[in-house]
Amino acid sequence: MKELFGKLADGTEIHRWSLENGGTRLKVLSYGGIVQSLEVPDRDGRYANISLGFETVEEYVAGSPYFGALIGRYGNRLAEGRFTLDGTTYELSVNDGANSLHGGSGGFDKVVWEVEPFARDSEVGLYLTHTSADGDMGYPGTLDVKVTYTLTSRGEWRIDYEATTDRATVVNLTSHVYWNLAGEGSGSVGDHRLTIAAGRYTPVDSDLIPTGEPAGVEGTPFDFRTGKTIAEDLRTADPQLLYAKGFDHNWVLDKGVTAEPEWAATLTDPASGRTLRIATTEPGLQFYSGNFLDGTLVGPSGTIYRQGDALCLETQHFPDSPNRPSYPSTVLRPGETYRSTTVHTFG
């Protein structure tokens, strides 16, 4: 179902698409490709929206911390808002201190996507397309992007990303849903249990930029290999947690880059019984524990969002990869196609 959700200040209409399949209900906005709502049942069959968001376009435009948005051209941070490729240094939009975050001040989270619905076999979904002009936010190359949201017959939410360019550039696309499996507006996710299939992570400096080579998680608060609650080590006096006011780091997935999605993480809420299993082709996972939700935003439930009321699990290549030759490459050249897939399975 397609409906008018609102209008931007210049009169541009923003539509909302509602999809349902396999027991999962998804609502997506043409603005930012935003997942405004994702509903799944608990162990007793009761539905709740498990993603944070807003009721109006105006709220998303005024100050959304990327609630539910498509992120590009480059997810996560690029140090000092620049990178060098083939001998040319590109200066990017700086919007996070001295750094560029999630594509800059006018990233893909703020564009109006072309949206086309589809139904095939037992699947339903949306094609979202956008052309980012050469020089957009400082990035080289005209980038043609296609993102496919699919709801499968089993209620999985699958995201397939594709992009091509006419000049060498860098690309790192992801999704920024804020998850609370107990339901939007239900309070802290501290009791959620998280498992991450990663023996290493990338430590950061005080600007949350990777400092260099990955470090082992053994004996640190970053060891989620066997699963633990979010709250268990959240207040540990570790310098890395002090920098980020919690977790806001990239985990180096044991599986690396894969041709097909492989398991990366599982999130469980013991109170509702809901689970989220994430599989991806990407080599990294950014786990963000909602540290900067500061009580100034109000969700559709009428509840104020406070620190730790949701968490993000962003599948990705590593932060600042264009400036780190040892990291998996994010370079895309003419004639190549960027492809990435992430599958969310609910239980």
C-alpha atoms as a PDB file:
ATOM      1  CA  MET A   1       0.000   0.000   0.000  1.00  0.00           C
ATOM      2  CA  LYS A   2       1.249   3.489  -0.888  1.00  0.00           C
ATOM      3  CA  GLU A   3       0.099   6.611   0.954  1.00  0.00           C
ATOM      4  CA  LEU A   4       1.106  10.254   1.282  1.00  0.00           C
ATOM      5  CA  PHE A   5       3.197  10.626   4.450  1.00  0.00           C
ATOM      6  CA  GLY A   6       3.942  14.332   4.231  1.00  0.00           C
ATOM      7  CA  LYS A   7       5.743  17.038   2.285  1.00  0.00           C
ATOM      8  CA  LEU A   8       9.152  18.650   2.468  1.00  0.00           C
ATOM      9  CA  ALA A   9       9.465  22.409   2.822  1.00  0.00           C
ATOM     10  CA  ASP A  10       9.788  22.774  -0.958  1.00  0.00           C
ATOM     11  CA  GLY A  11       6.551  20.860  -1.512  1.00  0.00           C
ATOM     12  CA  THR A  12       8.120  17.518  -2.483  1.00  0.00           C
ATOM     13  CA  GLU A  13       5.726  14.732  -1.572  1.00  0.00           C
ATOM     14  CA  ILE A  14       7.005  11.940   0.653  1.00  0.00           C
ATOM     15  CA  HIS A  15       5.220   8.620   0.429  1.00  0.00           C
ATOM     16  CA  ARG A  16       5.045   5.670   2.783  1.00  0.00           C
ATOM     17  CA  TRP A  17       4.902   2.099   1.534  1.00  0.00           C
ATOM     18  CA  SER A  18       3.418  -0.654   3.709  1.00  0.00           C
ATOM     19  CA  LEU A  19       4.403  -4.282   3.086  1.00  0.00           C
ATOM     20  CA  GLU A  20       3.501  -7.520   4.826  1.00  0.00           C
ATOM     21  CA  ASN A  21       4.732 -11.065   4.290  1.00  0.00           C
ATOM     22  CA  GLY A  22       5.536 -14.096   6.385  1.00  0.00           C
ATOM     23  CA  GLY A  23       4.369 -12.437   9.577  1.00  0.00           C
ATOM     24  CA  THR A  24       6.534  -9.308   9.199  1.00  0.00           C
ATOM     25  CA  ARG A  25       5.081  -5.854   8.593  1.00  0.00           C
ATOM     26  CA  LEU A  26       7.320  -3.155   7.133  1.00  0.00           C
ATOM     27  CA  LYS A  27       6.720   0.557   6.518  1.00  0.00           C
ATOM     28  CA  VAL A  28       9.219   2.467   4.378  1.00  0.00           C
ATOM     29  CA  LEU A  29       9.481   6.151   3.450  1.00  0.00           C
ATOM     30  CA  SER A  30      10.682   7.521   0.126  1.00  0.00           C
ATOM     31  CA  TYR A  31      12.607  10.098   2.193  1.00  0.00           C
ATOM     32  CA  GLY A  32      15.939   8.533   3.089  1.00  0.00           C
ATOM     33  CA  GLY A  33      14.682   5.029   2.315  1.00  0.00           C
ATOM     34  CA  ILE A  34      13.732   5.113   5.979  1.00  0.00           C
ATOM     35  CA  VAL A  35      12.273   2.107   7.775  1.00  0.00           C
ATOM     36  CA  GLN A  36       9.635   3.965   9.759  1.00  0.00           C
ATOM     37  CA  SER A  37       8.225   0.822  11.346  1.00  0.00           C
ATOM     38  CA  LEU A  38       8.975  -2.891  11.423  1.00  0.00           C
ATOM     39  CA  GLU A  39       6.494  -5.078  13.280  1.00  0.00           C
ATOM     40  CA  VAL A  40       6.933  -8.708  14.307  1.00  0.00           C
ATOM     41  CA  PRO A  41       5.124 -10.879  16.871  1.00  0.00           C
ATOM     42  CA  ASP A  42       6.416 -11.879  20.295  1.00  0.00           C
ATOM     43  CA  ARG A  43       6.287 -15.431  21.695  1.00  0.00           C
ATOM     44  CA  ASP A  44       2.537 -15.015  22.281  1.00  0.00           C
ATOM     45  CA  GLY A  45       1.806 -13.666  18.808  1.00  0.00           C
ATOM     46  CA  ARG A  46       1.442 -10.042  19.889  1.00  0.00           C
ATOM     47  CA  TYR A  47       2.800  -7.528  17.385  1.00  0.00           C
ATOM     48  CA  ALA A  48       5.002  -4.552  18.194  1.00  0.00           C
ATOM     49  CA  ASN A  49       7.100  -2.119  16.203  1.00  0.00           C
ATOM     50  CA  ILE A  50      10.713  -2.971  17.086  1.00  0.00           C
ATOM     51  CA  SER A  51      12.387   0.037  15.406  1.00  0.00           C
ATOM     52  CA  LEU A  52      12.699   3.629  16.612  1.00  0.00           C
ATOM     53  CA  GLY A  53      11.441   6.507  14.494  1.00  0.00           C
ATOM     54  CA  PHE A  54       9.081   9.457  14.168  1.00  0.00           C
ATOM     55  CA  GLU A  55       5.477  10.157  13.194  1.00  0.00           C
ATOM     56  CA  THR A  56       6.152  13.015  10.752  1.00  0.00           C
ATOM     57  CA  VAL A  57       8.482  13.996   7.922  1.00  0.00           C
ATOM     58  CA  GLU A  58       9.228  17.245   9.725  1.00  0.00           C
ATOM     59  CA  GLU A  59      10.747  15.363  12.662  1.00  0.00           C
ATOM     60  CA  TYR A  60      12.986  13.287  10.397  1.00  0.00           C
ATOM     61  CA  VAL A  61      14.195  16.416   8.602  1.00  0.00           C
ATOM     62  CA  ALA A  62      14.671  18.463  11.775  1.00  0.00           C
ATOM     63  CA  GLY A  63      17.027  16.184  13.628  1.00  0.00           C
ATOM     64  CA  SER A  64      16.927  12.443  13.130  1.00  0.00           C
ATOM     65  CA  PRO A  65      19.976  10.491  14.351  1.00  0.00           C
ATOM     66  CA  TYR A  66      19.635   8.390  11.161  1.00  0.00           C
ATOM     67  CA  PHE A  67      16.561   6.505  12.453  1.00  0.00           C
ATOM     68  CA  GLY A  68      15.940   3.633  10.011  1.00  0.00           C
ATOM     69  CA  ALA A  69      17.770   5.332   7.139  1.00  0.00           C
ATOM     70  CA  LEU A  70      19.734   4.131   4.151  1.00  0.00           C
ATOM     71  CA  ILE A  71      23.316   5.307   4.593  1.00  0.00           C
ATOM     72  CA  GLY A  72      25.682   6.415   1.813  1.00  0.00           C
ATOM     73  CA  ARG A  73      27.799   7.167   0.008  1.00  0.00           C
ATOM     74  CA  TYR A  74      30.023   6.033   2.839  1.00  0.00           C
ATOM     75  CA  GLY A  75      28.687   4.516   6.036  1.00  0.00           C
ATOM     76  CA  ASN A  76      30.572   5.396   9.210  1.00  0.00           C
ATOM     77  CA  ARG A  77      33.437   7.880   9.575  1.00  0.00           C
ATOM     78  CA  LEU A  78      36.173   9.136   7.289  1.00  0.00           C
ATOM     79  CA  ALA A  79      38.999  10.890   9.149  1.00  0.00           C
ATOM     80  CA  GLU A  80      39.273  14.639   8.571  1.00  0.00           C
ATOM     81  CA  GLY A  81      36.662  14.376   5.818  1.00  0.00           C
ATOM     82  CA  ARG A  82      39.089  13.341   3.105  1.00  0.00           C
ATOM     83  CA  PHE A  83      40.642  10.451   1.270  1.00  0.00           C
ATOM     84  CA  THR A  84      43.163   9.995  -1.533  1.00  0.00           C
ATOM     85  CA  LEU A  85      42.451   7.776  -4.541  1.00  0.00           C
ATOM     86  CA  ASP A  86      44.726   7.301  -7.566  1.00  0.00           C
ATOM     87  CA  GLY A  87      46.820  10.262  -6.452  1.00  0.00           C
ATOM     88  CA  THR A  88      43.946  12.721  -6.049  1.00  0.00           C
ATOM     89  CA  THR A  89      42.769  13.887  -2.627  1.00  0.00           C
ATOM     90  CA  TYR A  90      39.028  14.462  -2.251  1.00  0.00           C
ATOM     91  CA  GLU A  91      37.635  16.835   0.367  1.00  0.00           C
ATOM     92  CA  LEU A  92      34.273  15.700   1.683  1.00  0.00           C
ATOM     93  CA  SER A  93      31.362  17.218   3.559  1.00  0.00           C
ATOM     94  CA  VAL A  94      32.391  17.417   7.232  1.00  0.00           C
ATOM     95  CA  ASN A  95      29.532  16.882   9.679  1.00  0.00           C
ATOM     96  CA  ASP A  96      31.016  15.112  12.736  1.00  0.00           C
ATOM     97  CA  GLY A  97      33.590  17.368  14.285  1.00  0.00           C
ATOM     98  CA  ALA A  98      36.498  17.331  11.843  1.00  0.00           C
ATOM     99  CA  ASN A  99      35.268  14.128  10.216  1.00  0.00           C
ATOM    100  CA  SER A 100      32.731  13.044   7.618  1.00  0.00           C
ATOM    101  CA  LEU A 101      30.000  10.732   8.933  1.00  0.00           C
ATOM    102  CA  HIS A 102      27.538   8.611   6.925  1.00  0.00           C
ATOM    103  CA  GLY A 103      28.084  10.422   3.643  1.00  0.00           C
ATOM    104  CA  GLY A 104      28.151  13.993   4.946  1.00  0.00           C
ATOM    105  CA  SER A 105      25.526  16.626   5.660  1.00  0.00           C
ATOM    106  CA  GLY A 106      23.476  15.639   2.602  1.00  0.00           C
ATOM    107  CA  GLY A 107      23.940  11.875   2.615  1.00  0.00           C
ATOM    108  CA  PHE A 108      21.568   9.246   1.246  1.00  0.00           C
ATOM    109  CA  ASP A 109      19.528   9.454   4.463  1.00  0.00           C
ATOM    110  CA  LYS A 110      18.298  12.889   3.315  1.00  0.00           C
ATOM    111  CA  VAL A 111      17.506  12.263  -0.353  1.00  0.00           C
ATOM    112  CA  VAL A 112      14.121  11.346  -1.831  1.00  0.00           C
ATOM    113  CA  TRP A 113      14.424   7.901  -3.402  1.00  0.00           C
ATOM    114  CA  GLU A 114      12.487   6.658  -6.383  1.00  0.00           C
ATOM    115  CA  VAL A 115      10.442   3.700  -5.127  1.00  0.00           C
ATOM    116  CA  GLU A 116       8.859   0.899  -7.138  1.00  0.00           C
ATOM    117  CA  PRO A 117       7.005  -2.031  -5.539  1.00  0.00           C
ATOM    118  CA  PHE A 118       7.259  -5.625  -6.715  1.00  0.00           C
ATOM    119  CA  ALA A 119       5.684  -9.006  -6.012  1.00  0.00           C
ATOM    120  CA  ARG A 120       7.291 -12.179  -7.333  1.00  0.00           C
ATOM    121  CA  ASP A 121       6.663 -15.789  -6.399  1.00  0.00           C
ATOM    122  CA  SER A 122       6.274 -15.693  -2.611  1.00  0.00           C
ATOM    123  CA  GLU A 123       8.160 -12.423  -2.073  1.00  0.00           C
ATOM    124  CA  VAL A 124       7.153  -8.756  -1.916  1.00  0.00           C
ATOM    125  CA  GLY A 125       9.333  -5.726  -1.775  1.00  0.00           C
ATOM    126  CA  LEU A 126      10.539  -2.355  -2.996  1.00  0.00           C
ATOM    127  CA  TYR A 127      13.171  -1.177  -5.438  1.00  0.00           C
ATOM    128  CA  LEU A 128      14.735   2.092  -4.269  1.00  0.00           C
ATOM    129  CA  THR A 129      16.890   3.958  -6.783  1.00  0.00           C
ATOM    130  CA  HIS A 130      18.928   7.150  -6.672  1.00  0.00           C
ATOM    131  CA  THR A 131      21.628   8.799  -8.785  1.00  0.00           C
ATOM    132  CA  SER A 132      24.269  10.685  -6.847  1.00  0.00           C
ATOM    133  CA  ALA A 133      25.969  13.268  -9.071  1.00  0.00           C
ATOM    134  CA  ASP A 134      29.712  13.533  -9.559  1.00  0.00           C
ATOM    135  CA  GLY A 135      31.004  15.703  -6.712  1.00  0.00           C
ATOM    136  CA  ASP A 136      28.023  15.075  -4.430  1.00  0.00           C
ATOM    137  CA  MET A 137      29.265  15.720  -0.858  1.00  0.00           C
ATOM    138  CA  GLY A 138      32.755  15.786  -2.394  1.00  0.00           C
ATOM    139  CA  TYR A 139      32.735  12.209  -3.727  1.00  0.00           C
ATOM    140  CA  PRO A 140      33.976  11.560  -7.269  1.00  0.00           C
ATOM    141  CA  GLY A 141      31.903   9.840  -9.932  1.00  0.00           C
ATOM    142  CA  THR A 142      28.236   9.706 -10.859  1.00  0.00           C
ATOM    143  CA  LEU A 143      26.966   6.855  -8.693  1.00  0.00           C
ATOM    144  CA  ASP A 144      23.832   4.943  -9.711  1.00  0.00           C
ATOM    145  CA  VAL A 145      22.411   3.139  -6.685  1.00  0.00           C
ATOM    146  CA  LYS A 146      19.724   0.475  -6.435  1.00  0.00           C
ATOM    147  CA  VAL A 147      18.639  -0.917  -3.077  1.00  0.00           C
ATOM    148  CA  THR A 148      16.111  -3.739  -2.862  1.00  0.00           C
ATOM    149  CA  TYR A 149      14.048  -4.309   0.273  1.00  0.00           C
ATOM    150  CA  THR A 150      12.483  -7.786   0.224  1.00  0.00           C
ATOM    151  CA  LEU A 151      10.100  -9.492   2.647  1.00  0.00           C
ATOM    152  CA  THR A 152      10.322 -13.245   2.142  1.00  0.00           C
ATOM    153  CA  SER A 153       7.622 -15.831   2.772  1.00  0.00           C
ATOM    154  CA  ARG A 154       9.390 -16.606   6.067  1.00  0.00           C
ATOM    155  CA  GLY A 155       9.180 -12.983   7.169  1.00  0.00           C
ATOM    156  CA  GLU A 156      12.847 -12.218   6.585  1.00  0.00           C
ATOM    157  CA  TRP A 157      13.838  -8.665   5.676  1.00  0.00           C
ATOM    158  CA  ARG A 158      16.553  -8.808   3.036  1.00  0.00           C
ATOM    159  CA  ILE A 159      18.509  -5.804   1.760  1.00  0.00           C
ATOM    160  CA  ASP A 160      20.418  -6.022  -1.533  1.00  0.00           C
ATOM    161  CA  TYR A 161      22.628  -3.065  -2.413  1.00  0.00           C
ATOM    162  CA  GLU A 162      23.996  -2.381  -5.905  1.00  0.00           C
ATOM    163  CA  ALA A 163      25.950   0.568  -7.311  1.00  0.00           C
ATOM    164  CA  THR A 164      27.906   1.523 -10.424  1.00  0.00           C
ATOM    165  CA  THR A 165      30.088   4.534 -11.160  1.00  0.00           C
ATOM    166  CA  ASP A 166      31.607   6.354 -14.131  1.00  0.00           C
ATOM    167  CA  ARG A 167      34.746   7.360 -12.173  1.00  0.00           C
ATOM    168  CA  ALA A 168      36.801   5.616  -9.518  1.00  0.00           C
ATOM    169  CA  THR A 169      35.220   6.270  -6.129  1.00  0.00           C
ATOM    170  CA  VAL A 170      34.601   4.681  -2.722  1.00  0.00           C
ATOM    171  CA  VAL A 171      31.307   3.159  -1.569  1.00  0.00           C
ATOM    172  CA  ASN A 172      30.100   1.710   1.735  1.00  0.00           C
ATOM    173  CA  LEU A 173      26.317   1.395   2.016  1.00  0.00           C
ATOM    174  CA  THR A 174      24.384   0.237   5.071  1.00  0.00           C
ATOM    175  CA  SER A 175      21.111   0.523   6.999  1.00  0.00           C
ATOM    176  CA  HIS A 176      20.732   2.388  10.292  1.00  0.00           C
ATOM    177  CA  VAL A 177      17.738   0.833  12.029  1.00  0.00           C
ATOM    178  CA  TYR A 178      17.593   1.357  15.796  1.00  0.00           C
ATOM    179  CA  TRP A 179      16.398  -1.943  17.266  1.00  0.00           C
ATOM    180  CA  ASN A 180      14.443  -2.562  20.459  1.00  0.00           C
ATOM    181  CA  LEU A 181      13.005  -6.072  20.369  1.00  0.00           C
ATOM    182  CA  ALA A 182      10.746  -5.345  23.343  1.00  0.00           C
ATOM    183  CA  GLY A 183       9.017  -2.669  21.261  1.00  0.00           C
ATOM    184  CA  GLU A 184       9.507   0.991  20.366  1.00  0.00           C
ATOM    185  CA  GLY A 185       9.188   3.179  23.440  1.00  0.00           C
ATOM    186  CA  SER A 186       9.611   0.301  25.908  1.00  0.00           C
ATOM    187  CA  GLY A 187      12.796   1.628  27.504  1.00  0.00           C
ATOM    188  CA  SER A 188      16.301   0.259  27.825  1.00  0.00           C
ATOM    189  CA  VAL A 189      17.726  -2.609  25.764  1.00  0.00           C
ATOM    190  CA  GLY A 190      20.216  -3.407  28.532  1.00  0.00           C
ATOM    191  CA  ASP A 191      18.655  -6.834  29.073  1.00  0.00           C
ATOM    192  CA  HIS A 192      18.894  -7.777  25.380  1.00  0.00           C
ATOM    193  CA  ARG A 193      21.434 -10.513  24.755  1.00  0.00           C
ATOM    194  CA  LEU A 194      23.871 -10.061  21.865  1.00  0.00           C
ATOM    195  CA  THR A 195      26.205 -12.513  20.162  1.00  0.00           C
ATOM    196  CA  ILE A 196      28.723 -11.325  17.542  1.00  0.00           C
ATOM    197  CA  ALA A 197      30.796 -13.751  15.476  1.00  0.00           C
ATOM    198  CA  ALA A 198      33.997 -11.738  15.769  1.00  0.00           C
ATOM    199  CA  GLY A 199      37.261 -12.296  17.597  1.00  0.00           C
ATOM    200  CA  ARG A 200      38.584  -8.824  16.766  1.00  0.00           C
ATOM    201  CA  TYR A 201      37.401  -5.219  16.622  1.00  0.00           C
ATOM    202  CA  THR A 202      38.912  -1.911  15.510  1.00  0.00           C
ATOM    203  CA  PRO A 203      39.869   0.336  18.470  1.00  0.00           C
ATOM    204  CA  VAL A 204      39.213   4.048  18.009  1.00  0.00           C
ATOM    205  CA  ASP A 205      40.553   7.392  19.171  1.00  0.00           C
ATOM    206  CA  SER A 206      38.545  10.067  20.949  1.00  0.00           C
ATOM    207  CA  ASP A 207      36.954  11.081  17.601  1.00  0.00           C
ATOM    208  CA  LEU A 208      35.852   7.454  17.048  1.00  0.00           C
ATOM    209  CA  ILE A 209      38.284   7.012  14.146  1.00  0.00           C
ATOM    210  CA  PRO A 210      40.096   3.639  13.990  1.00  0.00           C
ATOM    211  CA  THR A 211      43.633   3.891  15.346  1.00  0.00           C
ATOM    212  CA  GLY A 212      45.087   1.136  13.186  1.00  0.00           C
ATOM    213  CA  GLU A 213      45.132  -2.644  13.190  1.00  0.00           C
ATOM    214  CA  PRO A 214      42.302  -4.678  14.751  1.00  0.00           C
ATOM    215  CA  ALA A 215      42.671  -5.877  18.339  1.00  0.00           C
ATOM    216  CA  GLY A 216      41.530  -9.107  19.931  1.00  0.00           C
ATOM    217  CA  VAL A 217      38.344  -9.082  22.003  1.00  0.00           C
ATOM    218  CA  GLU A 218      39.621 -11.712  24.463  1.00  0.00           C
ATOM    219  CA  GLY A 219      39.454 -10.373  28.019  1.00  0.00           C
ATOM    220  CA  THR A 220      37.793  -7.088  26.999  1.00  0.00           C
ATOM    221  CA  PRO A 221      34.232  -5.705  27.120  1.00  0.00           C
ATOM    222  CA  PHE A 222      34.147  -6.259  23.340  1.00  0.00           C
ATOM    223  CA  ASP A 223      33.958 -10.060  23.595  1.00  0.00           C
ATOM    224  CA  PHE A 224      30.441 -11.013  22.481  1.00  0.00           C
ATOM    225  CA  ARG A 225      31.470 -14.357  20.963  1.00  0.00           C
ATOM    226  CA  THR A 226      29.454 -16.492  23.377  1.00  0.00           C
ATOM    227  CA  GLY A 227      26.730 -13.912  23.964  1.00  0.00           C
ATOM    228  CA  LYS A 228      26.002 -11.593  26.873  1.00  0.00           C
ATOM    229  CA  THR A 229      23.600  -8.814  27.799  1.00  0.00           C
ATOM    230  CA  ILE A 230      24.224  -5.306  26.523  1.00  0.00           C
ATOM    231  CA  ALA A 231      24.430  -4.009  30.086  1.00  0.00           C
ATOM    232  CA  GLU A 232      26.958  -6.569  31.357  1.00  0.00           C
ATOM    233  CA  ASP A 233      30.112  -4.629  30.465  1.00  0.00           C
ATOM    234  CA  LEU A 234      28.585  -1.354  29.288  1.00  0.00           C
ATOM    235  CA  ARG A 235      29.787   0.638  32.315  1.00  0.00           C
ATOM    236  CA  THR A 236      33.248  -0.911  32.495  1.00  0.00           C
ATOM    237  CA  ALA A 237      35.956   1.741  32.884  1.00  0.00           C
ATOM    238  CA  ASP A 238      37.590   0.899  29.566  1.00  0.00           C
ATOM    239  CA  PRO A 239      39.037   3.889  27.625  1.00  0.00           C
ATOM    240  CA  GLN A 240      37.307   2.673  24.460  1.00  0.00           C
ATOM    241  CA  LEU A 241      33.907   2.817  26.164  1.00  0.00           C
ATOM    242  CA  LEU A 242      34.700   6.246  27.564  1.00  0.00           C
ATOM    243  CA  TYR A 243      35.485   7.592  24.090  1.00  0.00           C
ATOM    244  CA  ALA A 244      32.151   6.385  22.692  1.00  0.00           C
ATOM    245  CA  LYS A 245      30.042   6.720  25.863  1.00  0.00           C
ATOM    246  CA  GLY A 246      29.330   3.025  25.383  1.00  0.00           C
ATOM    247  CA  PHE A 247      29.719   0.763  22.395  1.00  0.00           C
ATOM    248  CA  ASP A 248      30.122   2.424  18.994  1.00  0.00           C
ATOM    249  CA  HIS A 249      32.723   0.247  17.320  1.00  0.00           C
ATOM    250  CA  ASN A 250      33.341  -1.920  14.294  1.00  0.00           C
ATOM    251  CA  TRP A 251      33.672  -5.669  14.858  1.00  0.00           C
ATOM    252  CA  VAL A 252      35.858  -7.584  12.378  1.00  0.00           C
ATOM    253  CA  LEU A 253      33.654 -10.532  11.488  1.00  0.00           C
ATOM    254  CA  ASP A 254      35.461 -13.871  11.543  1.00  0.00           C
ATOM    255  CA  LYS A 255      33.954 -14.827   8.190  1.00  0.00           C
ATOM    256  CA  GLY A 256      35.374 -11.841   6.264  1.00  0.00           C
ATOM    257  CA  VAL A 257      33.880 -10.785   2.921  1.00  0.00           C
ATOM    258  CA  THR A 258      31.670 -13.562   1.538  1.00  0.00           C
ATOM    259  CA  ALA A 259      29.836 -14.138  -1.732  1.00  0.00           C
ATOM    260  CA  GLU A 260      26.627 -15.067   0.090  1.00  0.00           C
ATOM    261  CA  PRO A 261      25.266 -13.817   3.426  1.00  0.00           C
ATOM    262  CA  GLU A 262      26.714 -15.663   6.412  1.00  0.00           C
ATOM    263  CA  TRP A 263      25.774 -15.358  10.076  1.00  0.00           C
ATOM    264  CA  ALA A 264      27.216 -12.326  11.849  1.00  0.00           C
ATOM    265  CA  ALA A 265      25.144 -11.653  14.972  1.00  0.00           C
ATOM    266  CA  THR A 266      22.091 -12.641  16.998  1.00  0.00           C
ATOM    267  CA  LEU A 267      20.077 -10.372  19.279  1.00  0.00           C
ATOM    268  CA  THR A 268      17.518 -11.728  21.766  1.00  0.00           C
ATOM    269  CA  ASP A 269      15.029 -10.083  24.111  1.00  0.00           C
ATOM    270  CA  PRO A 270      14.205 -12.501  26.935  1.00  0.00           C
ATOM    271  CA  ALA A 271      11.083 -10.590  28.010  1.00  0.00           C
ATOM    272  CA  SER A 272       9.230 -10.792  24.681  1.00  0.00           C
ATOM    273  CA  GLY A 273      11.014 -13.823  23.265  1.00  0.00           C
ATOM    274  CA  ARG A 274      11.767 -11.952  20.047  1.00  0.00           C
ATOM    275  CA  THR A 275      15.045 -12.668  18.282  1.00  0.00           C
ATOM    276  CA  LEU A 276      16.917 -11.042  15.407  1.00  0.00           C
ATOM    277  CA  ARG A 277      19.525 -12.962  13.446  1.00  0.00           C
ATOM    278  CA  ILE A 278      21.727 -11.035  11.007  1.00  0.00           C
ATOM    279  CA  ALA A 279      23.587 -12.594   8.079  1.00  0.00           C
ATOM    280  CA  THR A 280      25.659 -10.534   5.668  1.00  0.00           C
ATOM    281  CA  THR A 281      28.252 -10.555   2.904  1.00  0.00           C
ATOM    282  CA  GLU A 282      30.079  -7.675   4.622  1.00  0.00           C
ATOM    283  CA  PRO A 283      33.314  -8.054   6.643  1.00  0.00           C
ATOM    284  CA  GLY A 284      32.326  -5.708   9.479  1.00  0.00           C
ATOM    285  CA  LEU A 285      29.523  -4.957  11.909  1.00  0.00           C
ATOM    286  CA  GLN A 286      29.154  -1.634  13.710  1.00  0.00           C
ATOM    287  CA  PHE A 287      27.453  -2.179  17.067  1.00  0.00           C
ATOM    288  CA  TYR A 288      26.165   1.103  18.484  1.00  0.00           C
ATOM    289  CA  SER A 289      24.454   1.018  21.876  1.00  0.00           C
ATOM    290  CA  GLY A 290      22.349   4.180  21.463  1.00  0.00           C
ATOM    291  CA  ASN A 291      24.756   6.279  23.520  1.00  0.00           C
ATOM    292  CA  PHE A 292      23.731   9.646  22.097  1.00  0.00           C
ATOM    293  CA  LEU A 293      19.971   9.351  22.575  1.00  0.00           C
ATOM    294  CA  ASP A 294      19.670  12.202  25.047  1.00  0.00           C
ATOM    295  CA  GLY A 295      16.011  12.582  25.965  1.00  0.00           C
ATOM    296  CA  THR A 296      15.263  15.283  23.380  1.00  0.00           C
ATOM    297  CA  LEU A 297      13.438  13.056  20.869  1.00  0.00           C
ATOM    298  CA  VAL A 298       9.954  11.579  21.111  1.00  0.00           C
ATOM    299  CA  GLY A 299       8.793   8.480  19.256  1.00  0.00           C
ATOM    300  CA  PRO A 300       5.387   7.497  17.839  1.00  0.00           C
ATOM    301  CA  SER A 301       4.473   5.936  21.200  1.00  0.00           C
ATOM    302  CA  GLY A 302       4.760   9.370  22.823  1.00  0.00           C
ATOM    303  CA  THR A 303       7.758   8.140  24.835  1.00  0.00           C
ATOM    304  CA  ILE A 304      11.010  10.071  25.156  1.00  0.00           C
ATOM    305  CA  TYR A 305      14.046   8.241  23.799  1.00  0.00           C
ATOM    306  CA  ARG A 306      16.895   8.083  26.298  1.00  0.00           C
ATOM    307  CA  GLN A 307      20.412   6.677  26.233  1.00  0.00           C
ATOM    308  CA  GLY A 308      20.389   2.929  25.629  1.00  0.00           C
ATOM    309  CA  ASP A 309      16.755   2.711  24.497  1.00  0.00           C
ATOM    310  CA  ALA A 310      17.823   0.974  21.268  1.00  0.00           C
ATOM    311  CA  LEU A 311      20.878  -0.341  19.498  1.00  0.00           C
ATOM    312  CA  CYS A 312      22.157  -0.479  15.912  1.00  0.00           C
ATOM    313  CA  LEU A 313      23.840  -3.366  14.106  1.00  0.00           C
ATOM    314  CA  GLU A 314      25.178  -1.879  10.870  1.00  0.00           C
ATOM    315  CA  THR A 315      26.731  -4.319   8.408  1.00  0.00           C
ATOM    316  CA  GLN A 316      29.578  -2.605   6.591  1.00  0.00           C
ATOM    317  CA  HIS A 317      33.152  -2.349   5.441  1.00  0.00           C
ATOM    318  CA  PHE A 318      35.342  -0.800   8.112  1.00  0.00           C
ATOM    319  CA  PRO A 319      35.347   2.888   9.100  1.00  0.00           C
ATOM    320  CA  ASP A 320      37.996   5.027   7.376  1.00  0.00           C
ATOM    321  CA  SER A 321      38.924   2.185   5.015  1.00  0.00           C
ATOM    322  CA  PRO A 322      39.943   4.535   2.146  1.00  0.00           C
ATOM    323  CA  ASN A 323      42.661   5.881   4.464  1.00  0.00           C
ATOM    324  CA  ARG A 324      43.695   2.422   5.711  1.00  0.00           C
ATOM    325  CA  PRO A 325      45.311   0.312   2.955  1.00  0.00           C
ATOM    326  CA  SER A 326      45.361  -2.768   5.227  1.00  0.00           C
ATOM    327  CA  TYR A 327      41.552  -2.765   5.544  1.00  0.00           C
ATOM    328  CA  PRO A 328      39.294  -4.465   2.956  1.00  0.00           C
ATOM    329  CA  SER A 329      38.975  -2.091  -0.006  1.00  0.00           C
ATOM    330  CA  THR A 330      35.898   0.044  -0.615  1.00  0.00           C
ATOM    331  CA  VAL A 331      37.069   1.285  -4.027  1.00  0.00           C
ATOM    332  CA  LEU A 332      34.599   0.986  -6.922  1.00  0.00           C
ATOM    333  CA  ARG A 333      35.767   1.528 -10.496  1.00  0.00           C
ATOM    334  CA  PRO A 334      33.943   1.967 -13.826  1.00  0.00           C
ATOM    335  CA  GLY A 335      32.820  -1.380 -15.204  1.00  0.00           C
ATOM    336  CA  GLU A 336      32.487  -2.898 -11.722  1.00  0.00           C
ATOM    337  CA  THR A 337      29.298  -3.353  -9.697  1.00  0.00           C
ATOM    338  CA  TYR A 338      29.213  -2.840  -5.949  1.00  0.00           C
ATOM    339  CA  ARG A 339      27.099  -5.564  -4.336  1.00  0.00           C
ATOM    340  CA  SER A 340      26.235  -6.204  -0.717  1.00  0.00           C
ATOM    341  CA  THR A 341      23.487  -8.211   0.976  1.00  0.00           C
ATOM    342  CA  THR A 342      22.208  -8.375   4.536  1.00  0.00           C
ATOM    343  CA  VAL A 343      19.381 -10.621   5.761  1.00  0.00           C
ATOM    344  CA  HIS A 344      17.406 -10.058   8.976  1.00  0.00           C
ATOM    345  CA  THR A 345      15.627 -13.147  10.290  1.00  0.00           C
ATOM    346  CA  PHE A 346      13.076 -12.698  13.071  1.00  0.00           C
ATOM    347  CA  GLY A 347      11.884 -15.216  15.613  1.00  0.00           C
END
